Amino acid sequence: MDYKKIALALLGLFAIYSIISSPAQAADVVQIVFEWISELARAIGDVMSDLLDDASSSE
């Protein structure tokens, strides 16, 4: 039996149940997750820019 597929299906069912039972809270959670992803991408971009700036200034 593939427990990973079962766990993923249960997680999906829970997500659908959560969205149906309280859509306002589900929307808040989605907004928070997207803000985290945006901040993470911005931080990675800042690090890469700093690395490139340091590499170009040391030449």
C-alpha atoms as a PDB file:
ATOM      1  CA  MET A   1       0.000   0.000   0.000  1.00  0.00           C
ATOM      2  CA  ASP A   2       1.347   3.426  -0.920  1.00  0.00           C
ATOM      3  CA  TYR A   3       1.086   5.490   2.244  1.00  0.00           C
ATOM      4  CA  LYS A   4       2.376   8.632   0.532  1.00  0.00           C
ATOM      5  CA  LYS A   5      -0.597   8.668  -1.876  1.00  0.00           C
ATOM      6  CA  ILE A   6      -3.030   8.035   0.965  1.00  0.00           C
ATOM      7  CA  ALA A   7      -1.548  10.844   3.036  1.00  0.00           C
ATOM      8  CA  LEU A   8      -1.652  13.215   0.051  1.00  0.00           C
ATOM      9  CA  ALA A   9      -5.296  12.306  -0.632  1.00  0.00           C
ATOM     10  CA  LEU A  10      -6.229  12.878   3.005  1.00  0.00           C
ATOM     11  CA  LEU A  11      -4.425  16.226   2.965  1.00  0.00           C
ATOM     12  CA  GLY A  12      -6.328  17.202  -0.177  1.00  0.00           C
ATOM     13  CA  LEU A  13      -9.645  16.200   1.352  1.00  0.00           C
ATOM     14  CA  PHE A  14      -8.832  18.174   4.482  1.00  0.00           C
ATOM     15  CA  ALA A  15      -7.943  21.229   2.378  1.00  0.00           C
ATOM     16  CA  ILE A  16     -11.244  20.987   0.466  1.00  0.00           C
ATOM     17  CA  TYR A  17     -13.173  20.580   3.726  1.00  0.00           C
ATOM     18  CA  SER A  18     -11.387  23.593   5.243  1.00  0.00           C
ATOM     19  CA  ILE A  19     -12.145  25.770   2.227  1.00  0.00           C
ATOM     20  CA  ILE A  20     -15.814  24.788   2.187  1.00  0.00           C
ATOM     21  CA  SER A  21     -16.341  25.134   5.937  1.00  0.00           C
ATOM     22  CA  SER A  22     -14.585  28.514   6.346  1.00  0.00           C
ATOM     23  CA  PRO A  23     -13.644  30.244   3.095  1.00  0.00           C
ATOM     24  CA  ALA A  24     -12.615  33.506   4.797  1.00  0.00           C
ATOM     25  CA  GLN A  25      -9.999  31.754   6.937  1.00  0.00           C
ATOM     26  CA  ALA A  26      -8.806  29.735   3.945  1.00  0.00           C
ATOM     27  CA  ALA A  27      -8.327  32.957   1.981  1.00  0.00           C
ATOM     28  CA  ASP A  28      -6.328  34.438   4.860  1.00  0.00           C
ATOM     29  CA  VAL A  29      -4.069  31.387   4.969  1.00  0.00           C
ATOM     30  CA  VAL A  30      -3.483  31.534   1.209  1.00  0.00           C
ATOM     31  CA  GLN A  31      -2.643  35.239   1.448  1.00  0.00           C
ATOM     32  CA  ILE A  32      -0.150  34.591   4.262  1.00  0.00           C
ATOM     33  CA  VAL A  33       1.509  31.759   2.323  1.00  0.00           C
ATOM     34  CA  PHE A  34       1.883  33.935  -0.785  1.00  0.00           C
ATOM     35  CA  GLU A  35       3.362  36.748   1.345  1.00  0.00           C
ATOM     36  CA  TRP A  36       5.917  34.286   2.762  1.00  0.00           C
ATOM     37  CA  ILE A  37       6.807  33.073  -0.722  1.00  0.00           C
ATOM     38  CA  SER A  38       7.151  36.657  -1.931  1.00  0.00           C
ATOM     39  CA  GLU A  39       9.410  37.587   0.988  1.00  0.00           C
ATOM     40  CA  LEU A  40      11.509  34.464   0.435  1.00  0.00           C
ATOM     41  CA  ALA A  41      11.939  35.246  -3.262  1.00  0.00           C
ATOM     42  CA  ARG A  42      12.874  38.842  -2.453  1.00  0.00           C
ATOM     43  CA  ALA A  43      15.434  37.694   0.130  1.00  0.00           C
ATOM     44  CA  ILE A  44      16.982  35.216  -2.306  1.00  0.00           C
ATOM     45  CA  GLY A  45      17.144  37.975  -4.924  1.00  0.00           C
ATOM     46  CA  ASP A  46      18.867  40.291  -2.447  1.00  0.00           C
ATOM     47  CA  VAL A  47      21.440  37.637  -1.581  1.00  0.00           C
ATOM     48  CA  MET A  48      22.129  36.897  -5.251  1.00  0.00           C
ATOM     49  CA  SER A  49      22.476  40.623  -6.015  1.00  0.00           C
ATOM     50  CA  ASP A  50      24.900  41.053  -3.134  1.00  0.00           C
ATOM     51  CA  LEU A  51      26.931  38.054  -4.291  1.00  0.00           C
ATOM     52  CA  LEU A  52      27.086  39.391  -7.843  1.00  0.00           C
ATOM     53  CA  ASP A  53      28.016  42.875  -6.609  1.00  0.00           C
ATOM     54  CA  ASP A  54      30.802  41.426  -4.447  1.00  0.00           C
ATOM     55  CA  ALA A  55      32.078  39.279  -7.310  1.00  0.00           C
ATOM     56  CA  SER A  56      32.132  42.178  -9.778  1.00  0.00           C
ATOM     57  CA  SER A  57      33.781  44.591  -7.319  1.00  0.00           C
ATOM     58  CA  SER A  58      36.591  42.143  -6.509  1.00  0.00           C
ATOM     59  CA  GLU A  59      37.712  41.863 -10.135  1.00  0.00           C
END
